[in-house]
Each structure stands twice: as structure tokens, then as C-alpha cells.
């Protein structure tokens, strides 16, 4: 019998890469590269309202980890701490995969 893995919170801090601008697009947001280093015409980064809220919190170069993102979620939304931590970890992984944080 296998058991589902629990999400582990990465203790290392991350930082948003500079050179991106968050812009509204209908009910979502897109992250646009504004410097030549950030332009990739093969990839468009879209975010829902919650991810955009988190991005705005860290886009200035603030160091963050999944715990800090979870704290931001708890400040703004009525979710459990467990759900906030899971969502924050998923967001960090998605941002790492998209190459928009370091």
C-alpha cells in the first residue's frame, strides 16, 4: 500500500526575477518580460487573481519562501493554514518551472 506524499515546504528563500511587468488580461493576468533577457516568445506566463496577488507582494525583489507566501494567503483569503501552505508550495514550484524566480 502506498501513501500520498505530503507537501514539504522548501526552507530556502527565493526572489522574483526583475524585468517582468504584471498586466491584466480579462479575468487573468499575464507576466510580460520588459527587458531583453526576459523575453521568450515561446512562453506566455498567465496567473489567476490569487497568483497575481502573491506576485505583487514579492515582485519588488523581496526574499520569500513558501511559508511567507502562505502567510500572505492567510492575510487575504479565508483558507486553512494547511491549504495555504499547499497552495504556496504549488505556486513556488510553478514559478520555478516558469523561470520567473531565482
PDB file of N, CA and C in Angstrom:
ATOM      1  N   UNK A   1       0.839  -1.169   0.000  1.00  0.00           N
ATOM      2  CA  UNK A   1       0.000   0.000   0.000  1.00  0.00           C
ATOM      3  C   UNK A   1       0.892   1.243   0.000  1.00  0.00           C
ATOM      4  N   UNK A   2       0.582   2.210  -0.851  1.00  0.00           N
ATOM      5  CA  UNK A   2       1.347   3.452  -0.886  1.00  0.00           C
ATOM      6  C   UNK A   2       0.517   4.570  -0.292  1.00  0.00           C
ATOM      7  N   UNK A   3       1.192   5.497   0.301  1.00  0.00           N
ATOM      8  CA  UNK A   3       0.537   6.644   0.907  1.00  0.00           C
ATOM      9  C   UNK A   3       0.906   7.890   0.122  1.00  0.00           C
ATOM     10  N   UNK A   4      -0.042   8.825  -0.022  1.00  0.00           N
ATOM     11  CA  UNK A   4       0.277  10.050  -0.751  1.00  0.00           C
ATOM     12  C   UNK A   4       1.363  10.834  -0.030  1.00  0.00           C
ATOM     13  N   UNK A   5       2.237  11.449  -0.805  1.00  0.00           N
ATOM     14  CA  UNK A   5       3.298  12.249  -0.210  1.00  0.00           C
ATOM     15  C   UNK A   5       2.736  13.564   0.287  1.00  0.00           C
ATOM     16  N   UNK A   6       3.229  13.986   1.442  1.00  0.00           N
ATOM     17  CA  UNK A   6       2.864  15.297   1.948  1.00  0.00           C
ATOM     18  C   UNK A   6       3.739  16.333   1.270  1.00  0.00           C
ATOM     19  N   UNK A   7       3.189  17.513   1.086  1.00  0.00           N
ATOM     20  CA  UNK A   7       3.991  18.597   0.532  1.00  0.00           C
ATOM     21  C   UNK A   7       5.007  19.031   1.572  1.00  0.00           C
ATOM     22  N   UNK A   8       6.228  19.167   1.150  1.00  0.00           N
ATOM     23  CA  UNK A   8       7.253  19.674   2.052  1.00  0.00           C
ATOM     24  C   UNK A   8       7.540  21.116   1.683  1.00  0.00           C
ATOM     25  N   UNK A   9       7.715  21.925   2.665  1.00  0.00           N
ATOM     26  CA  UNK A   9       7.967  23.341   2.436  1.00  0.00           C
ATOM     27  C   UNK A   9       9.460  23.568   2.308  1.00  0.00           C
ATOM     28  N   UNK A  10       9.841  24.115   1.187  1.00  0.00           N
ATOM     29  CA  UNK A  10      11.237  24.422   0.926  1.00  0.00           C
ATOM     30  C   UNK A  10      11.657  25.571   1.829  1.00  0.00           C
ATOM     31  N   UNK A  11      12.707  25.386   2.585  1.00  0.00           N
ATOM     32  CA  UNK A  11      13.177  26.394   3.539  1.00  0.00           C
ATOM     33  C   UNK A  11      14.086  27.441   2.900  1.00  0.00           C
ATOM     34  N   UNK A  12      14.542  27.197   1.674  1.00  0.00           N
ATOM     35  CA  UNK A  12      15.410  28.181   1.040  1.00  0.00           C
ATOM     36  C   UNK A  12      14.571  29.348   0.538  1.00  0.00           C
ATOM     37  N   UNK A  13      15.185  30.517   0.544  1.00  0.00           N
ATOM     38  CA  UNK A  13      14.442  31.685   0.079  1.00  0.00           C
ATOM     39  C   UNK A  13      14.626  31.860  -1.414  1.00  0.00           C
ATOM     40  N   UNK A  14      13.634  32.490  -2.012  1.00  0.00           N
ATOM     41  CA  UNK A  14      13.627  32.767  -3.441  1.00  0.00           C
ATOM     42  C   UNK A  14      13.412  34.250  -3.637  1.00  0.00           C
ATOM     43  N   UNK A  15      13.557  34.667  -4.868  1.00  0.00           N
ATOM     44  CA  UNK A  15      13.374  36.069  -5.200  1.00  0.00           C
ATOM     45  C   UNK A  15      12.805  36.136  -6.606  1.00  0.00           C
ATOM     46  N   UNK A  16      11.881  37.059  -6.827  1.00  0.00           N
ATOM     47  CA  UNK A  16      11.332  37.264  -8.164  1.00  0.00           C
ATOM     48  C   UNK A  16      12.416  37.838  -9.066  1.00  0.00           C
ATOM     49  N   UNK A  17      12.523  37.298 -10.273  1.00  0.00           N
ATOM     50  CA  UNK A  17      13.461  37.866 -11.236  1.00  0.00           C
ATOM     51  C   UNK A  17      12.944  39.231 -11.676  1.00  0.00           C
ATOM     52  N   UNK A  18      13.838  40.154 -11.824  1.00  0.00           N
ATOM     53  CA  UNK A  18      13.470  41.504 -12.243  1.00  0.00           C
ATOM     54  C   UNK A  18      13.271  41.540 -13.761  1.00  0.00           C
ATOM     55  N   UNK A  19      12.566  42.551 -14.235  1.00  0.00           N
ATOM     56  CA  UNK A  19      12.368  42.717 -15.663  1.00  0.00           C
ATOM     57  C   UNK A  19      11.023  42.226 -16.156  1.00  0.00           C
ATOM     58  N   UNK A  20      10.110  41.894 -15.228  1.00  0.00           N
ATOM     59  CA  UNK A  20       8.771  41.450 -15.600  1.00  0.00           C
ATOM     60  C   UNK A  20       7.737  42.468 -15.132  1.00  0.00           C
ATOM     61  N   UNK A  21       6.679  42.613 -15.911  1.00  0.00           N
ATOM     62  CA  UNK A  21       5.573  43.510 -15.566  1.00  0.00           C
ATOM     63  C   UNK A  21       4.283  42.697 -15.597  1.00  0.00           C
ATOM     64  N   UNK A  22       3.505  42.770 -14.523  1.00  0.00           N
ATOM     65  CA  UNK A  22       2.231  42.077 -14.438  1.00  0.00           C
ATOM     66  C   UNK A  22       1.148  42.942 -15.066  1.00  0.00           C
ATOM     67  N   UNK A  23       0.412  42.372 -16.027  1.00  0.00           N
ATOM     68  CA  UNK A  23      -0.631  43.129 -16.715  1.00  0.00           C
ATOM     69  C   UNK A  23      -1.938  42.348 -16.690  1.00  0.00           C
ATOM     70  N   UNK A  24      -3.079  43.055 -16.486  1.00  0.00           N
ATOM     71  CA  UNK A  24      -4.373  42.370 -16.508  1.00  0.00           C
ATOM     72  C   UNK A  24      -4.747  41.964 -17.930  1.00  0.00           C
ATOM     73  N   UNK A  25      -5.419  40.829 -18.042  1.00  0.00           N
ATOM     74  CA  UNK A  25      -5.912  40.346 -19.336  1.00  0.00           C
ATOM     75  C   UNK A  25      -7.209  39.597 -19.056  1.00  0.00           C
ATOM     76  N   UNK A  26      -8.336  40.288 -19.187  1.00  0.00           N
ATOM     77  CA  UNK A  26      -9.630  39.690 -18.862  1.00  0.00           C
ATOM     78  C   UNK A  26      -9.690  39.355 -17.388  1.00  0.00           C
ATOM     79  N   UNK A  27     -10.006  38.101 -17.073  1.00  0.00           N
ATOM     80  CA  UNK A  27     -10.098  37.656 -15.683  1.00  0.00           C
ATOM     81  C   UNK A  27      -8.786  37.117 -15.155  1.00  0.00           C
ATOM     82  N   UNK A  28      -7.730  37.151 -15.956  1.00  0.00           N
ATOM     83  CA  UNK A  28      -6.430  36.657 -15.547  1.00  0.00           C
ATOM     84  C   UNK A  28      -5.403  37.775 -15.671  1.00  0.00           C
ATOM     85  N   UNK A  29      -4.177  37.427 -15.430  1.00  0.00           N
ATOM     86  CA  UNK A  29      -3.061  38.347 -15.563  1.00  0.00           C
ATOM     87  C   UNK A  29      -1.984  37.657 -16.381  1.00  0.00           C
ATOM     88  N   UNK A  30      -1.180  38.438 -17.092  1.00  0.00           N
ATOM     89  CA  UNK A  30      -0.030  37.880 -17.788  1.00  0.00           C
ATOM     90  C   UNK A  30       1.214  38.588 -17.282  1.00  0.00           C
ATOM     91  N   UNK A  31       2.293  37.858 -17.272  1.00  0.00           N
ATOM     92  CA  UNK A  31       3.579  38.403 -16.863  1.00  0.00           C
ATOM     93  C   UNK A  31       4.377  38.635 -18.126  1.00  0.00           C
ATOM     94  N   UNK A  32       4.742  39.871 -18.367  1.00  0.00           N
ATOM     95  CA  UNK A  32       5.407  40.265 -19.595  1.00  0.00           C
ATOM     96  C   UNK A  32       6.852  40.620 -19.299  1.00  0.00           C
ATOM     97  N   UNK A  33       7.776  40.043 -20.069  1.00  0.00           N
ATOM     98  CA  UNK A  33       9.184  40.399 -19.934  1.00  0.00           C
ATOM     99  C   UNK A  33       9.432  41.752 -20.552  1.00  0.00           C
ATOM    100  N   UNK A  34      10.004  42.670 -19.777  1.00  0.00           N
ATOM    101  CA  UNK A  34      10.253  44.015 -20.277  1.00  0.00           C
ATOM    102  C   UNK A  34      11.712  44.275 -20.608  1.00  0.00           C
ATOM    103  N   UNK A  35      12.581  43.357 -20.246  1.00  0.00           N
ATOM    104  CA  UNK A  35      13.979  43.517 -20.634  1.00  0.00           C
ATOM    105  C   UNK A  35      14.330  42.407 -21.608  1.00  0.00           C
ATOM    106  N   UNK A  36      15.319  42.630 -22.417  1.00  0.00           N
ATOM    107  CA  UNK A  36      15.674  41.676 -23.463  1.00  0.00           C
ATOM    108  C   UNK A  36      16.015  40.307 -22.888  1.00  0.00           C
ATOM    109  N   UNK A  37      16.563  40.256 -21.651  1.00  0.00           N
ATOM    110  CA  UNK A  37      16.903  38.981 -21.039  1.00  0.00           C
ATOM    111  C   UNK A  37      15.661  38.165 -20.688  1.00  0.00           C
ATOM    112  N   UNK A  38      14.530  38.832 -20.472  1.00  0.00           N
ATOM    113  CA  UNK A  38      13.322  38.147 -20.018  1.00  0.00           C
ATOM    114  C   UNK A  38      12.359  37.807 -21.150  1.00  0.00           C
ATOM    115  N   UNK A  39      12.666  38.213 -22.358  1.00  0.00           N
ATOM    116  CA  UNK A  39      11.743  37.966 -23.468  1.00  0.00           C
ATOM    117  C   UNK A  39      11.926  36.551 -23.994  1.00  0.00           C
ATOM    118  N   UNK A  40      10.832  35.814 -24.008  1.00  0.00           N
ATOM    119  CA  UNK A  40      10.791  34.472 -24.579  1.00  0.00           C
ATOM    120  C   UNK A  40       9.462  34.374 -25.321  1.00  0.00           C
ATOM    121  N   UNK A  41       9.516  34.454 -26.627  1.00  0.00           N
ATOM    122  CA  UNK A  41       8.292  34.474 -27.408  1.00  0.00           C
ATOM    123  C   UNK A  41       7.624  33.100 -27.487  1.00  0.00           C
ATOM    124  N   UNK A  42       8.250  32.064 -26.968  1.00  0.00           N
ATOM    125  CA  UNK A  42       7.673  30.725 -26.973  1.00  0.00           C
ATOM    126  C   UNK A  42       6.839  30.445 -25.722  1.00  0.00           C
ATOM    127  N   UNK A  43       6.853  31.355 -24.762  1.00  0.00           N
ATOM    128  CA  UNK A  43       6.185  31.082 -23.494  1.00  0.00           C
ATOM    129  C   UNK A  43       5.443  32.319 -23.011  1.00  0.00           C
ATOM    130  N   UNK A  44       4.170  32.144 -22.660  1.00  0.00           N
ATOM    131  CA  UNK A  44       3.404  33.214 -22.040  1.00  0.00           C
ATOM    132  C   UNK A  44       3.061  32.750 -20.632  1.00  0.00           C
ATOM    133  N   UNK A  45       3.283  33.589 -19.672  1.00  0.00           N
ATOM    134  CA  UNK A  45       3.038  33.238 -18.281  1.00  0.00           C
ATOM    135  C   UNK A  45       1.732  33.902 -17.860  1.00  0.00           C
ATOM    136  N   UNK A  46       0.743  33.082 -17.541  1.00  0.00           N
ATOM    137  CA  UNK A  46      -0.540  33.600 -17.077  1.00  0.00           C
ATOM    138  C   UNK A  46      -0.703  33.268 -15.601  1.00  0.00           C
ATOM    139  N   UNK A  47      -1.420  34.139 -14.907  1.00  0.00           N
ATOM    140  CA  UNK A  47      -1.678  33.946 -13.482  1.00  0.00           C
ATOM    141  C   UNK A  47      -3.130  34.258 -13.195  1.00  0.00           C
ATOM    142  N   UNK A  48      -3.704  33.500 -12.265  1.00  0.00           N
ATOM    143  CA  UNK A  48      -5.038  33.850 -11.799  1.00  0.00           C
ATOM    144  C   UNK A  48      -4.908  34.985 -10.786  1.00  0.00           C
ATOM    145  N   UNK A  49      -6.026  35.439 -10.267  1.00  0.00           N
ATOM    146  CA  UNK A  49      -6.030  36.579  -9.347  1.00  0.00           C
ATOM    147  C   UNK A  49      -5.190  36.319  -8.096  1.00  0.00           C
ATOM    148  N   UNK A  50      -5.259  35.109  -7.568  1.00  0.00           N
ATOM    149  CA  UNK A  50      -4.515  34.780  -6.351  1.00  0.00           C
ATOM    150  C   UNK A  50      -3.012  34.771  -6.599  1.00  0.00           C
ATOM    151  N   UNK A  51      -2.579  34.148  -7.691  1.00  0.00           N
ATOM    152  CA  UNK A  51      -1.149  34.132  -8.017  1.00  0.00           C
ATOM    153  C   UNK A  51      -0.650  35.547  -8.287  1.00  0.00           C
ATOM    154  N   UNK A  52      -1.480  36.353  -8.954  1.00  0.00           N
ATOM    155  CA  UNK A  52      -1.099  37.739  -9.222  1.00  0.00           C
ATOM    156  C   UNK A  52      -0.957  38.525  -7.919  1.00  0.00           C
ATOM    157  N   UNK A  53      -1.857  38.271  -6.961  1.00  0.00           N
ATOM    158  CA  UNK A  53      -1.759  38.916  -5.647  1.00  0.00           C
ATOM    159  C   UNK A  53      -0.421  38.578  -4.997  1.00  0.00           C
ATOM    160  N   UNK A  54      -0.038  37.299  -5.044  1.00  0.00           N
ATOM    161  CA  UNK A  54       1.235  36.881  -4.457  1.00  0.00           C
ATOM    162  C   UNK A  54       2.412  37.502  -5.203  1.00  0.00           C
ATOM    163  N   UNK A  55       2.335  37.545  -6.534  1.00  0.00           N
ATOM    164  CA  UNK A  55       3.426  38.119  -7.319  1.00  0.00           C
ATOM    165  C   UNK A  55       3.633  39.586  -6.953  1.00  0.00           C
ATOM    166  N   UNK A  56       2.530  40.321  -6.800  1.00  0.00           N
ATOM    167  CA  UNK A  56       2.639  41.737  -6.429  1.00  0.00           C
ATOM    168  C   UNK A  56       3.337  41.899  -5.081  1.00  0.00           C
ATOM    169  N   UNK A  57       3.146  40.944  -4.182  1.00  0.00           N
ATOM    170  CA  UNK A  57       3.770  41.009  -2.855  1.00  0.00           C
ATOM    171  C   UNK A  57       5.284  40.829  -2.916  1.00  0.00           C
ATOM    172  N   UNK A  58       5.786  40.106  -3.926  1.00  0.00           N
ATOM    173  CA  UNK A  58       7.221  39.777  -3.956  1.00  0.00           C
ATOM    174  C   UNK A  58       7.951  40.341  -5.174  1.00  0.00           C
ATOM    175  N   UNK A  59       7.243  40.990  -6.081  1.00  0.00           N
ATOM    176  CA  UNK A  59       7.853  41.443  -7.339  1.00  0.00           C
ATOM    177  C   UNK A  59       8.928  42.502  -7.141  1.00  0.00           C
ATOM    178  N   UNK A  60       8.956  43.135  -5.990  1.00  0.00           N
ATOM    179  CA  UNK A  60       9.953  44.183  -5.745  1.00  0.00           C
ATOM    180  C   UNK A  60      11.318  43.619  -5.361  1.00  0.00           C
ATOM    181  N   UNK A  61      11.441  42.294  -5.378  1.00  0.00           N
ATOM    182  CA  UNK A  61      12.721  41.673  -5.026  1.00  0.00           C
ATOM    183  C   UNK A  61      12.775  41.158  -3.604  1.00  0.00           C
ATOM    184  N   UNK A  62      11.647  41.183  -2.908  1.00  0.00           N
ATOM    185  CA  UNK A  62      11.572  40.669  -1.541  1.00  0.00           C
ATOM    186  C   UNK A  62      11.940  39.192  -1.514  1.00  0.00           C
ATOM    187  N   UNK A  63      12.809  38.802  -0.589  1.00  0.00           N
ATOM    188  CA  UNK A  63      13.090  37.379  -0.385  1.00  0.00           C
ATOM    189  C   UNK A  63      11.835  36.724   0.173  1.00  0.00           C
ATOM    190  N   UNK A  64      11.549  35.529  -0.306  1.00  0.00           N
ATOM    191  CA  UNK A  64      10.380  34.814   0.192  1.00  0.00           C
ATOM    192  C   UNK A  64      10.615  33.320   0.131  1.00  0.00           C
ATOM    193  N   UNK A  65       9.777  32.606   0.835  1.00  0.00           N
ATOM    194  CA  UNK A  65       9.722  31.147   0.759  1.00  0.00           C
ATOM    195  C   UNK A  65       8.245  30.773   0.750  1.00  0.00           C
ATOM    196  N   UNK A  66       7.959  29.489   0.680  1.00  0.00           N
ATOM    197  CA  UNK A  66       6.568  29.048   0.623  1.00  0.00           C
ATOM    198  C   UNK A  66       5.798  29.467   1.878  1.00  0.00           C
ATOM    199  N   UNK A  67       6.450  29.469   3.021  1.00  0.00           N
ATOM    200  CA  UNK A  67       5.796  29.872   4.263  1.00  0.00           C
ATOM    201  C   UNK A  67       5.352  31.328   4.201  1.00  0.00           C
ATOM    202  N   UNK A  68       6.204  32.190   3.661  1.00  0.00           N
ATOM    203  CA  UNK A  68       5.835  33.602   3.558  1.00  0.00           C
ATOM    204  C   UNK A  68       4.659  33.775   2.599  1.00  0.00           C
ATOM    205  N   UNK A  69       4.669  33.053   1.477  1.00  0.00           N
ATOM    206  CA  UNK A  69       3.534  33.131   0.552  1.00  0.00           C
ATOM    207  C   UNK A  69       2.262  32.634   1.235  1.00  0.00           C
ATOM    208  N   UNK A  70       2.379  31.572   2.027  1.00  0.00           N
ATOM    209  CA  UNK A  70       1.219  31.055   2.758  1.00  0.00           C
ATOM    210  C   UNK A  70       0.686  32.105   3.732  1.00  0.00           C
ATOM    211  N   UNK A  71       1.586  32.809   4.393  1.00  0.00           N
ATOM    212  CA  UNK A  71       1.160  33.876   5.310  1.00  0.00           C
ATOM    213  C   UNK A  71       0.395  34.960   4.566  1.00  0.00           C
ATOM    214  N   UNK A  72       0.868  35.328   3.373  1.00  0.00           N
ATOM    215  CA  UNK A  72       0.147  36.320   2.561  1.00  0.00           C
ATOM    216  C   UNK A  72      -1.247  35.813   2.206  1.00  0.00           C
ATOM    217  N   UNK A  73      -1.361  34.533   1.869  1.00  0.00           N
ATOM    218  CA  UNK A  73      -2.670  33.956   1.542  1.00  0.00           C
ATOM    219  C   UNK A  73      -3.607  34.000   2.744  1.00  0.00           C
ATOM    220  N   UNK A  74      -3.064  33.692   3.912  1.00  0.00           N
ATOM    221  CA  UNK A  74      -3.884  33.707   5.125  1.00  0.00           C
ATOM    222  C   UNK A  74      -4.347  35.114   5.480  1.00  0.00           C
ATOM    223  N   UNK A  75      -3.542  36.123   5.158  1.00  0.00           N
ATOM    224  CA  UNK A  75      -3.927  37.516   5.411  1.00  0.00           C
ATOM    225  C   UNK A  75      -5.092  37.945   4.522  1.00  0.00           C
ATOM    226  N   UNK A  76      -5.133  37.425   3.305  1.00  0.00           N
ATOM    227  CA  UNK A  76      -6.077  37.925   2.295  1.00  0.00           C
ATOM    228  C   UNK A  76      -7.298  37.029   2.080  1.00  0.00           C
ATOM    229  N   UNK A  77      -7.150  35.734   2.282  1.00  0.00           N
ATOM    230  CA  UNK A  77      -8.206  34.781   1.942  1.00  0.00           C
ATOM    231  C   UNK A  77      -8.593  33.939   3.156  1.00  0.00           C
ATOM    232  N   UNK A  78      -9.808  33.459   3.158  1.00  0.00           N
ATOM    233  CA  UNK A  78     -10.288  32.588   4.229  1.00  0.00           C
ATOM    234  C   UNK A  78     -10.025  31.142   3.839  1.00  0.00           C
ATOM    235  N   UNK A  79      -8.814  30.686   4.121  1.00  0.00           N
ATOM    236  CA  UNK A  79      -8.403  29.308   3.847  1.00  0.00           C
ATOM    237  C   UNK A  79      -7.705  28.769   5.085  1.00  0.00           C
ATOM    238  N   UNK A  80      -7.636  27.457   5.168  1.00  0.00           N
ATOM    239  CA  UNK A  80      -6.928  26.851   6.291  1.00  0.00           C
ATOM    240  C   UNK A  80      -5.427  27.026   6.099  1.00  0.00           C
ATOM    241  N   UNK A  81      -4.690  26.921   7.194  1.00  0.00           N
ATOM    242  CA  UNK A  81      -3.237  27.031   7.112  1.00  0.00           C
ATOM    243  C   UNK A  81      -2.666  25.926   6.224  1.00  0.00           C
ATOM    244  N   UNK A  82      -3.216  24.720   6.342  1.00  0.00           N
ATOM    245  CA  UNK A  82      -2.754  23.598   5.529  1.00  0.00           C
ATOM    246  C   UNK A  82      -2.974  23.870   4.037  1.00  0.00           C
ATOM    247  N   UNK A  83      -4.154  24.384   3.692  1.00  0.00           N
ATOM    248  CA  UNK A  83      -4.438  24.685   2.284  1.00  0.00           C
ATOM    249  C   UNK A  83      -3.532  25.805   1.777  1.00  0.00           C
ATOM    250  N   UNK A  84      -3.319  26.820   2.605  1.00  0.00           N
ATOM    251  CA  UNK A  84      -2.446  27.926   2.217  1.00  0.00           C
ATOM    252  C   UNK A  84      -1.028  27.435   1.955  1.00  0.00           C
ATOM    253  N   UNK A  85      -0.516  26.557   2.821  1.00  0.00           N
ATOM    254  CA  UNK A  85       0.835  26.018   2.636  1.00  0.00           C
ATOM    255  C   UNK A  85       0.928  25.183   1.357  1.00  0.00           C
ATOM    256  N   UNK A  86      -0.078  24.372   1.107  1.00  0.00           N
ATOM    257  CA  UNK A  86      -0.081  23.550  -0.104  1.00  0.00           C
ATOM    258  C   UNK A  86      -0.134  24.430  -1.350  1.00  0.00           C
ATOM    259  N   UNK A  87      -1.009  25.430  -1.345  1.00  0.00           N
ATOM    260  CA  UNK A  87      -1.118  26.326  -2.493  1.00  0.00           C
ATOM    261  C   UNK A  87       0.163  27.130  -2.699  1.00  0.00           C
ATOM    262  N   UNK A  88       0.778  27.561  -1.620  1.00  0.00           N
ATOM    263  CA  UNK A  88       2.022  28.330  -1.713  1.00  0.00           C
ATOM    264  C   UNK A  88       3.141  27.480  -2.296  1.00  0.00           C
ATOM    265  N   UNK A  89       3.247  26.237  -1.852  1.00  0.00           N
ATOM    266  CA  UNK A  89       4.274  25.333  -2.384  1.00  0.00           C
ATOM    267  C   UNK A  89       4.046  25.111  -3.882  1.00  0.00           C
ATOM    268  N   UNK A  90       2.796  24.881  -4.270  1.00  0.00           N
ATOM    269  CA  UNK A  90       2.483  24.689  -5.690  1.00  0.00           C
ATOM    270  C   UNK A  90       2.828  25.921  -6.512  1.00  0.00           C
ATOM    271  N   UNK A  91       2.578  27.096  -5.948  1.00  0.00           N
ATOM    272  CA  UNK A  91       2.906  28.343  -6.634  1.00  0.00           C
ATOM    273  C   UNK A  91       4.411  28.482  -6.801  1.00  0.00           C
ATOM    274  N   UNK A  92       5.170  28.199  -5.762  1.00  0.00           N
ATOM    275  CA  UNK A  92       6.631  28.266  -5.854  1.00  0.00           C
ATOM    276  C   UNK A  92       7.151  27.319  -6.932  1.00  0.00           C
ATOM    277  N   UNK A  93       6.631  26.109  -6.966  1.00  0.00           N
ATOM    278  CA  UNK A  93       7.061  25.137  -7.975  1.00  0.00           C
ATOM    279  C   UNK A  93       6.718  25.619  -9.381  1.00  0.00           C
ATOM    280  N   UNK A  94       5.524  26.164  -9.559  1.00  0.00           N
ATOM    281  CA  UNK A  94       5.123  26.667 -10.879  1.00  0.00           C
ATOM    282  C   UNK A  94       6.009  27.827 -11.305  1.00  0.00           C
ATOM    283  N   UNK A  95       6.314  28.725 -10.379  1.00  0.00           N
ATOM    284  CA  UNK A  95       7.169  29.861 -10.705  1.00  0.00           C
ATOM    285  C   UNK A  95       8.592  29.416 -11.013  1.00  0.00           C
ATOM    286  N   UNK A  96       9.095  28.417 -10.287  1.00  0.00           N
ATOM    287  CA  UNK A  96      10.426  27.894 -10.574  1.00  0.00           C
ATOM    288  C   UNK A  96      10.448  27.270 -11.972  1.00  0.00           C
ATOM    289  N   UNK A  97       9.432  26.484 -12.292  1.00  0.00           N
ATOM    290  CA  UNK A  97       9.352  25.847 -13.598  1.00  0.00           C
ATOM    291  C   UNK A  97       9.242  26.862 -14.731  1.00  0.00           C
ATOM    292  N   UNK A  98       8.577  27.986 -14.451  1.00  0.00           N
ATOM    293  CA  UNK A  98       8.432  29.045 -15.461  1.00  0.00           C
ATOM    294  C   UNK A  98       9.695  29.900 -15.583  1.00  0.00           C
ATOM    295  N   UNK A  99      10.600  29.768 -14.613  1.00  0.00           N
ATOM    296  CA  UNK A  99      11.842  30.534 -14.656  1.00  0.00           C
ATOM    297  C   UNK A  99      11.700  31.996 -14.278  1.00  0.00           C
ATOM    298  N   UNK A 100      10.704  32.320 -13.462  1.00  0.00           N
ATOM    299  CA  UNK A 100      10.496  33.723 -13.106  1.00  0.00           C
ATOM    300  C   UNK A 100      10.972  34.062 -11.703  1.00  0.00           C
ATOM    301  N   UNK A 101      11.515  33.057 -11.001  1.00  0.00           N
ATOM    302  CA  UNK A 101      12.133  33.304  -9.699  1.00  0.00           C
ATOM    303  C   UNK A 101      13.504  32.668  -9.671  1.00  0.00           C
ATOM    304  N   UNK A 102      14.317  33.131  -8.738  1.00  0.00           N
ATOM    305  CA  UNK A 102      15.661  32.570  -8.593  1.00  0.00           C
ATOM    306  C   UNK A 102      15.964  32.298  -7.144  1.00  0.00           C
TER     307      UNK A 102
END
